[in-house]
């Protein structure tokens, strides 16, 4: 195990996200840990809210993995070529999205928001996201 302590921040950082940021996915994000907020080098964590009946824009994350923990609600995530596959997660479930997999989450409730913690192995909270067109597969 390597000792990276000489490169790491020498303080513990508490982050209190007070406002949402806008993202390409068109969902409210509340950034917690990132390079900008905490000096993180290889991790970001945020809270995402999917409004009642809402969804993100179809997209791909290039070059980093994403882990999601659903805090509340039920979300259908369509994924893969043409977004033809799907998985439903609900409070207490984890979801792993490998780099380069097209996906689009949908809140299955018309009346309540869905909330989740999103973690990435990239410290950039304004992640490198590419739009995905399911009709063309690009």
N, C-alpha and C. Protein backbone atom coordinates (compact mmCIF):
# COMPACT_ATOMS: atom_id res chain seq x y z
N UNK A 1 0.85 -1.18 0.00
CA UNK A 1 0.00 0.00 0.00
C UNK A 1 0.89 1.23 0.00
N UNK A 2 0.63 2.15 -0.89
CA UNK A 2 1.46 3.34 -0.97
C UNK A 2 0.97 4.40 0.00
N UNK A 3 1.89 5.22 0.41
CA UNK A 3 1.56 6.31 1.31
C UNK A 3 1.50 7.60 0.50
N UNK A 4 0.30 8.09 0.25
CA UNK A 4 0.11 9.32 -0.51
C UNK A 4 -0.09 10.52 0.41
N UNK A 5 0.24 10.36 1.68
CA UNK A 5 -0.10 11.41 2.64
C UNK A 5 0.60 12.73 2.32
N UNK A 6 1.78 12.70 1.68
CA UNK A 6 2.45 13.96 1.37
C UNK A 6 1.73 14.74 0.27
N UNK A 7 0.88 14.06 -0.53
CA UNK A 7 0.13 14.74 -1.58
C UNK A 7 -1.31 15.06 -1.17
N UNK A 8 -1.77 14.42 -0.12
CA UNK A 8 -3.18 14.55 0.27
C UNK A 8 -3.40 15.82 1.08
N UNK A 9 -4.63 16.35 1.06
CA UNK A 9 -4.94 17.49 1.92
C UNK A 9 -4.67 17.11 3.38
N UNK A 10 -4.21 18.05 4.16
CA UNK A 10 -3.85 17.77 5.54
C UNK A 10 -4.93 18.18 6.52
N UNK A 11 -6.15 18.26 6.04
CA UNK A 11 -7.24 18.64 6.93
C UNK A 11 -8.50 17.88 6.54
N UNK A 12 -9.37 17.72 7.48
CA UNK A 12 -10.68 17.13 7.23
C UNK A 12 -11.61 18.26 6.82
N UNK A 13 -12.43 18.04 5.80
CA UNK A 13 -13.28 19.09 5.27
C UNK A 13 -14.75 18.68 5.38
N UNK A 14 -15.56 19.52 6.00
CA UNK A 14 -17.01 19.33 6.03
C UNK A 14 -17.61 20.23 4.96
N UNK A 15 -18.51 19.68 4.17
CA UNK A 15 -19.14 20.43 3.09
C UNK A 15 -20.63 20.50 3.37
N UNK A 16 -21.18 21.69 3.26
CA UNK A 16 -22.60 21.92 3.48
C UNK A 16 -23.20 22.48 2.19
N UNK A 17 -23.64 21.60 1.28
CA UNK A 17 -24.18 22.12 0.01
C UNK A 17 -25.46 22.91 0.26
N UNK A 18 -25.42 24.17 -0.12
CA UNK A 18 -26.55 25.05 0.16
C UNK A 18 -27.40 25.33 -1.08
N UNK A 19 -26.85 25.04 -2.26
CA UNK A 19 -27.62 25.31 -3.47
C UNK A 19 -27.33 24.23 -4.49
N UNK A 20 -28.27 24.06 -5.37
CA UNK A 20 -28.10 23.07 -6.43
C UNK A 20 -27.29 23.67 -7.57
N UNK A 21 -26.66 22.78 -8.33
CA UNK A 21 -25.99 23.20 -9.55
C UNK A 21 -26.74 22.60 -10.73
N UNK A 22 -26.62 23.21 -11.87
CA UNK A 22 -27.24 22.64 -13.06
C UNK A 22 -26.23 21.76 -13.77
N UNK A 23 -26.70 20.69 -14.35
CA UNK A 23 -25.85 19.74 -15.06
C UNK A 23 -26.44 19.46 -16.43
N UNK A 24 -25.65 18.83 -17.28
CA UNK A 24 -26.13 18.45 -18.60
C UNK A 24 -27.33 17.51 -18.51
N UNK A 25 -27.41 16.73 -17.43
CA UNK A 25 -28.52 15.79 -17.28
C UNK A 25 -29.85 16.48 -16.99
N UNK A 26 -29.80 17.77 -16.66
CA UNK A 26 -31.01 18.56 -16.36
C UNK A 26 -31.71 18.11 -15.08
N UNK A 27 -30.91 17.70 -14.09
CA UNK A 27 -31.45 17.35 -12.77
C UNK A 27 -30.74 18.18 -11.71
N UNK A 28 -31.43 18.49 -10.60
CA UNK A 28 -30.79 19.22 -9.52
C UNK A 28 -29.72 18.36 -8.83
N UNK A 29 -28.50 18.87 -8.75
CA UNK A 29 -27.39 18.22 -8.03
C UNK A 29 -26.96 19.12 -6.90
N UNK A 30 -26.67 18.51 -5.76
CA UNK A 30 -26.13 19.22 -4.62
C UNK A 30 -24.75 18.62 -4.37
N UNK A 31 -23.71 19.35 -4.75
CA UNK A 31 -22.35 18.84 -4.69
C UNK A 31 -21.89 18.78 -3.24
N UNK A 32 -21.38 17.61 -2.86
CA UNK A 32 -20.79 17.42 -1.55
C UNK A 32 -19.28 17.46 -1.67
N UNK A 33 -18.69 16.31 -1.96
CA UNK A 33 -17.24 16.20 -2.04
C UNK A 33 -16.80 16.26 -3.49
N UNK A 34 -15.79 17.09 -3.75
CA UNK A 34 -15.22 17.21 -5.09
C UNK A 34 -13.84 17.85 -4.95
N UNK A 35 -13.17 17.99 -6.07
CA UNK A 35 -11.88 18.70 -6.05
C UNK A 35 -12.10 20.14 -5.57
N UNK A 36 -13.14 20.79 -6.09
CA UNK A 36 -13.38 22.19 -5.78
C UNK A 36 -13.83 22.41 -4.33
N UNK A 37 -14.70 21.53 -3.81
CA UNK A 37 -15.26 21.78 -2.48
C UNK A 37 -14.39 21.27 -1.34
N UNK A 38 -13.63 20.17 -1.59
CA UNK A 38 -12.90 19.54 -0.49
C UNK A 38 -11.45 19.22 -0.82
N UNK A 39 -11.02 19.49 -2.04
CA UNK A 39 -9.66 19.14 -2.42
C UNK A 39 -9.48 17.67 -2.75
N UNK A 40 -10.57 16.97 -3.00
CA UNK A 40 -10.50 15.54 -3.33
C UNK A 40 -9.72 15.35 -4.63
N UNK A 41 -9.02 14.23 -4.74
CA UNK A 41 -8.24 13.96 -5.94
C UNK A 41 -8.85 12.86 -6.80
N UNK A 42 -9.61 11.93 -6.22
CA UNK A 42 -10.11 10.82 -7.02
C UNK A 42 -11.52 10.41 -6.67
N UNK A 43 -12.29 11.33 -6.10
CA UNK A 43 -13.64 10.99 -5.65
C UNK A 43 -14.52 12.22 -5.72
N UNK A 44 -15.77 12.01 -6.10
CA UNK A 44 -16.78 13.05 -5.93
C UNK A 44 -18.04 12.38 -5.40
N UNK A 45 -18.78 13.11 -4.58
CA UNK A 45 -20.05 12.63 -4.05
C UNK A 45 -21.03 13.79 -4.06
N UNK A 46 -22.24 13.49 -4.53
CA UNK A 46 -23.28 14.50 -4.60
C UNK A 46 -24.62 13.86 -4.26
N UNK A 47 -25.61 14.71 -4.08
CA UNK A 47 -26.99 14.25 -3.96
C UNK A 47 -27.71 14.71 -5.22
N UNK A 48 -28.45 13.81 -5.84
CA UNK A 48 -29.24 14.16 -7.01
C UNK A 48 -30.71 13.99 -6.65
N UNK A 49 -31.54 14.86 -7.19
CA UNK A 49 -32.98 14.80 -6.98
C UNK A 49 -33.64 14.65 -8.35
N UNK A 50 -34.47 13.62 -8.48
CA UNK A 50 -35.26 13.46 -9.70
C UNK A 50 -36.69 13.86 -9.33
N UNK A 51 -37.18 14.97 -9.89
CA UNK A 51 -38.51 15.46 -9.52
C UNK A 51 -39.61 14.44 -9.84
N UNK A 52 -40.77 14.58 -9.21
CA UNK A 52 -41.88 13.67 -9.50
C UNK A 52 -42.13 13.59 -11.01
N UNK A 53 -42.16 12.37 -11.52
CA UNK A 53 -42.40 12.15 -12.94
C UNK A 53 -41.26 12.60 -13.84
N UNK A 54 -40.16 13.03 -13.25
CA UNK A 54 -39.04 13.58 -14.02
C UNK A 54 -38.04 12.55 -14.48
N UNK A 55 -37.10 13.01 -15.28
CA UNK A 55 -36.04 12.14 -15.78
C UNK A 55 -34.84 12.98 -16.17
N UNK A 56 -33.70 12.33 -16.27
CA UNK A 56 -32.50 12.98 -16.77
C UNK A 56 -32.50 12.91 -18.29
N UNK A 57 -31.64 13.70 -18.90
CA UNK A 57 -31.41 13.57 -20.33
C UNK A 57 -30.57 12.30 -20.55
N UNK A 58 -30.75 11.58 -21.66
CA UNK A 58 -29.90 10.42 -21.93
C UNK A 58 -28.45 10.87 -22.08
N UNK A 59 -27.53 10.11 -21.45
CA UNK A 59 -26.14 10.52 -21.47
C UNK A 59 -25.19 9.36 -21.21
N UNK A 60 -23.91 9.65 -21.42
CA UNK A 60 -22.82 8.70 -21.19
C UNK A 60 -21.76 9.41 -20.36
N UNK A 61 -21.18 8.70 -19.39
CA UNK A 61 -20.03 9.20 -18.64
C UNK A 61 -18.79 8.57 -19.23
N UNK A 62 -17.90 9.36 -19.74
CA UNK A 62 -16.65 8.86 -20.33
C UNK A 62 -15.53 8.88 -19.31
N UNK A 63 -14.93 7.72 -19.09
CA UNK A 63 -13.70 7.66 -18.31
C UNK A 63 -13.85 7.52 -16.81
N UNK A 64 -15.04 7.37 -16.27
CA UNK A 64 -15.15 7.16 -14.83
C UNK A 64 -16.38 6.32 -14.49
N UNK A 65 -16.26 5.61 -13.37
CA UNK A 65 -17.35 4.78 -12.86
C UNK A 65 -18.27 5.63 -11.98
N UNK A 66 -19.51 5.19 -11.90
CA UNK A 66 -20.50 5.88 -11.06
C UNK A 66 -21.20 4.86 -10.18
N UNK A 67 -21.28 5.17 -8.90
CA UNK A 67 -22.05 4.38 -7.95
C UNK A 67 -23.18 5.23 -7.41
N UNK A 68 -24.36 4.64 -7.31
CA UNK A 68 -25.54 5.39 -6.85
C UNK A 68 -26.18 4.62 -5.71
N UNK A 69 -26.57 5.32 -4.65
CA UNK A 69 -27.32 4.74 -3.55
C UNK A 69 -28.63 5.50 -3.46
N UNK A 70 -29.74 4.80 -3.62
CA UNK A 70 -31.06 5.43 -3.62
C UNK A 70 -31.51 5.64 -2.18
N UNK A 71 -31.74 6.90 -1.83
CA UNK A 71 -32.21 7.27 -0.50
C UNK A 71 -33.72 7.16 -0.37
N UNK A 72 -34.43 7.60 -1.42
CA UNK A 72 -35.90 7.52 -1.40
C UNK A 72 -36.43 7.52 -2.82
N UNK A 73 -37.56 6.86 -2.99
CA UNK A 73 -38.21 6.80 -4.29
C UNK A 73 -37.89 5.52 -5.05
N UNK A 74 -38.48 5.43 -6.23
CA UNK A 74 -38.24 4.31 -7.16
C UNK A 74 -37.85 4.90 -8.50
N UNK A 75 -36.74 4.40 -9.03
CA UNK A 75 -36.18 4.94 -10.26
C UNK A 75 -35.96 3.81 -11.26
N UNK A 76 -36.46 4.00 -12.46
CA UNK A 76 -36.15 3.09 -13.55
C UNK A 76 -35.00 3.70 -14.33
N UNK A 77 -33.91 2.96 -14.48
CA UNK A 77 -32.78 3.41 -15.27
C UNK A 77 -32.74 2.60 -16.55
N UNK A 78 -32.96 3.28 -17.66
CA UNK A 78 -32.84 2.63 -18.96
C UNK A 78 -31.39 2.78 -19.39
N UNK A 79 -30.84 1.72 -20.00
CA UNK A 79 -29.42 1.75 -20.31
C UNK A 79 -29.08 0.86 -21.50
N UNK A 80 -27.83 0.98 -21.94
CA UNK A 80 -27.32 0.18 -23.04
C UNK A 80 -27.68 0.79 -24.39
N UNK A 81 -27.26 0.11 -25.47
CA UNK A 81 -27.55 0.62 -26.82
C UNK A 81 -29.04 0.85 -27.02
N UNK A 82 -29.40 2.04 -27.44
CA UNK A 82 -30.81 2.38 -27.66
C UNK A 82 -31.63 2.48 -26.38
N UNK A 83 -30.97 2.39 -25.22
CA UNK A 83 -31.66 2.40 -23.91
C UNK A 83 -32.75 1.34 -23.85
N UNK A 84 -32.48 0.16 -24.41
CA UNK A 84 -33.48 -0.90 -24.49
C UNK A 84 -33.51 -1.81 -23.26
N UNK A 85 -32.52 -1.71 -22.39
CA UNK A 85 -32.52 -2.48 -21.16
C UNK A 85 -32.94 -1.57 -20.01
N UNK A 86 -33.41 -2.16 -18.91
CA UNK A 86 -33.76 -1.31 -17.77
C UNK A 86 -33.63 -2.08 -16.46
N UNK A 87 -33.44 -1.30 -15.42
CA UNK A 87 -33.39 -1.83 -14.06
C UNK A 87 -34.12 -0.84 -13.17
N UNK A 88 -34.85 -1.35 -12.18
CA UNK A 88 -35.56 -0.49 -11.23
C UNK A 88 -34.87 -0.60 -9.88
N UNK A 89 -34.56 0.56 -9.30
CA UNK A 89 -33.97 0.62 -7.96
C UNK A 89 -34.90 1.43 -7.07
N UNK A 90 -34.82 1.11 -5.78
CA UNK A 90 -35.63 1.84 -4.80
C UNK A 90 -34.80 2.07 -3.55
N UNK A 91 -35.38 2.78 -2.60
CA UNK A 91 -34.65 3.14 -1.38
C UNK A 91 -33.91 1.93 -0.82
N UNK A 92 -32.61 2.13 -0.56
CA UNK A 92 -31.77 1.07 -0.01
C UNK A 92 -30.99 0.30 -1.05
N UNK A 93 -31.26 0.53 -2.34
CA UNK A 93 -30.55 -0.17 -3.42
C UNK A 93 -29.35 0.62 -3.89
N UNK A 94 -28.34 -0.12 -4.36
CA UNK A 94 -27.16 0.45 -5.00
C UNK A 94 -27.24 0.18 -6.49
N UNK A 95 -26.66 1.05 -7.30
CA UNK A 95 -26.60 0.88 -8.75
C UNK A 95 -25.19 1.25 -9.20
N UNK A 96 -24.59 0.40 -10.02
CA UNK A 96 -23.26 0.66 -10.57
C UNK A 96 -23.39 0.90 -12.06
N UNK A 97 -22.79 1.99 -12.54
CA UNK A 97 -22.79 2.31 -13.96
C UNK A 97 -21.34 2.39 -14.44
N UNK A 98 -20.92 1.43 -15.29
CA UNK A 98 -19.55 1.47 -15.80
C UNK A 98 -19.34 2.65 -16.75
N UNK A 99 -18.10 3.03 -16.98
CA UNK A 99 -17.82 4.10 -17.94
C UNK A 99 -18.33 3.72 -19.33
N UNK A 100 -18.85 4.72 -20.04
CA UNK A 100 -19.25 4.51 -21.43
C UNK A 100 -20.60 3.86 -21.66
N UNK A 101 -21.36 3.56 -20.60
CA UNK A 101 -22.67 2.93 -20.77
C UNK A 101 -23.74 4.01 -20.85
N UNK A 102 -24.46 4.11 -21.98
CA UNK A 102 -25.54 5.10 -22.07
C UNK A 102 -26.64 4.76 -21.06
N UNK A 103 -27.21 5.79 -20.46
CA UNK A 103 -28.27 5.55 -19.48
C UNK A 103 -29.14 6.79 -19.30
N UNK A 104 -30.32 6.54 -18.72
CA UNK A 104 -31.29 7.61 -18.47
C UNK A 104 -32.20 7.18 -17.34
N UNK A 105 -32.14 7.85 -16.17
CA UNK A 105 -33.02 7.52 -15.06
C UNK A 105 -34.37 8.24 -15.16
N UNK A 106 -35.43 7.53 -14.72
CA UNK A 106 -36.80 8.06 -14.67
C UNK A 106 -37.36 7.84 -13.27
N UNK A 107 -37.93 8.89 -12.68
CA UNK A 107 -38.63 8.76 -11.41
C UNK A 107 -39.99 8.12 -11.70
N UNK A 108 -40.26 6.98 -11.07
CA UNK A 108 -41.51 6.27 -11.33
C UNK A 108 -42.71 6.86 -10.59
N UNK A 109 -42.47 7.76 -9.66
CA UNK A 109 -43.57 8.41 -8.94
C UNK A 109 -43.97 9.71 -9.62
N UNK A 110 -45.25 9.95 -9.72
CA UNK A 110 -45.76 11.22 -10.25
C UNK A 110 -45.95 12.25 -9.14
N UNK A 111 -45.79 11.83 -7.87
CA UNK A 111 -46.09 12.73 -6.76
C UNK A 111 -44.94 13.01 -5.81
N UNK A 112 -43.91 12.16 -5.80
CA UNK A 112 -42.81 12.34 -4.84
C UNK A 112 -41.46 12.35 -5.57
N UNK A 113 -40.53 13.18 -5.10
CA UNK A 113 -39.20 13.17 -5.71
C UNK A 113 -38.44 11.90 -5.33
N UNK A 114 -37.48 11.53 -6.14
CA UNK A 114 -36.54 10.47 -5.80
C UNK A 114 -35.21 11.14 -5.48
N UNK A 115 -34.52 10.64 -4.46
CA UNK A 115 -33.24 11.22 -4.08
C UNK A 115 -32.20 10.11 -3.98
N UNK A 116 -30.97 10.44 -4.40
CA UNK A 116 -29.90 9.44 -4.35
C UNK A 116 -28.56 10.12 -4.11
N UNK A 117 -27.64 9.36 -3.53
CA UNK A 117 -26.25 9.79 -3.41
C UNK A 117 -25.52 9.23 -4.62
N UNK A 118 -24.75 10.08 -5.28
CA UNK A 118 -23.99 9.69 -6.47
C UNK A 118 -22.51 9.84 -6.13
N UNK A 119 -21.74 8.77 -6.33
CA UNK A 119 -20.29 8.80 -6.11
C UNK A 119 -19.59 8.43 -7.41
N UNK A 120 -18.49 9.10 -7.68
CA UNK A 120 -17.72 8.83 -8.90
C UNK A 120 -16.25 8.75 -8.54
N UNK A 121 -15.51 8.00 -9.34
CA UNK A 121 -14.07 7.92 -9.12
C UNK A 121 -13.34 9.01 -9.90
N UNK A 122 -13.97 10.17 -9.92
CA UNK A 122 -13.40 11.39 -10.49
C UNK A 122 -13.73 12.52 -9.54
N UNK A 123 -12.78 13.38 -9.29
CA UNK A 123 -13.00 14.48 -8.34
C UNK A 123 -13.70 15.68 -8.96
N UNK A 124 -14.03 15.59 -10.24
CA UNK A 124 -14.68 16.72 -10.91
C UNK A 124 -16.19 16.58 -10.79
N UNK A 125 -16.82 17.48 -10.03
CA UNK A 125 -18.26 17.38 -9.84
C UNK A 125 -19.03 17.76 -11.10
N UNK A 126 -18.47 18.58 -11.93
CA UNK A 126 -19.10 18.89 -13.22
C UNK A 126 -18.49 17.95 -14.24
N UNK A 127 -18.97 16.72 -14.12
CA UNK A 127 -18.36 15.60 -14.83
C UNK A 127 -18.37 15.74 -16.34
N UNK A 128 -17.50 15.00 -16.96
CA UNK A 128 -17.44 14.93 -18.41
C UNK A 128 -18.58 14.04 -18.88
N UNK A 129 -19.65 14.65 -19.31
CA UNK A 129 -20.85 13.93 -19.73
C UNK A 129 -21.06 14.20 -21.21
N UNK A 130 -21.43 13.16 -21.93
CA UNK A 130 -21.75 13.31 -23.34
C UNK A 130 -23.23 13.01 -23.55
N UNK A 131 -23.93 13.83 -24.30
CA UNK A 131 -25.31 13.51 -24.63
C UNK A 131 -25.36 12.20 -25.43
N UNK A 132 -26.47 11.50 -25.30
CA UNK A 132 -26.67 10.24 -26.01
C UNK A 132 -28.01 10.29 -26.72
N UNK A 133 -28.01 9.95 -27.99
CA UNK A 133 -29.24 9.92 -28.79
C UNK A 133 -29.66 8.47 -28.98
N UNK A 134 -30.67 8.00 -28.25
CA UNK A 134 -31.06 6.58 -28.33
C UNK A 134 -31.48 6.14 -29.72
N UNK A 135 -32.05 7.04 -30.51
CA UNK A 135 -32.53 6.67 -31.85
C UNK A 135 -31.36 6.29 -32.76
N UNK A 136 -30.25 7.00 -32.61
CA UNK A 136 -29.11 6.75 -33.48
C UNK A 136 -28.05 5.88 -32.82
N UNK A 137 -28.16 5.71 -31.50
CA UNK A 137 -27.15 4.94 -30.78
C UNK A 137 -25.87 5.71 -30.54
N UNK A 138 -25.88 7.05 -30.74
CA UNK A 138 -24.68 7.86 -30.54
C UNK A 138 -24.93 8.88 -29.44
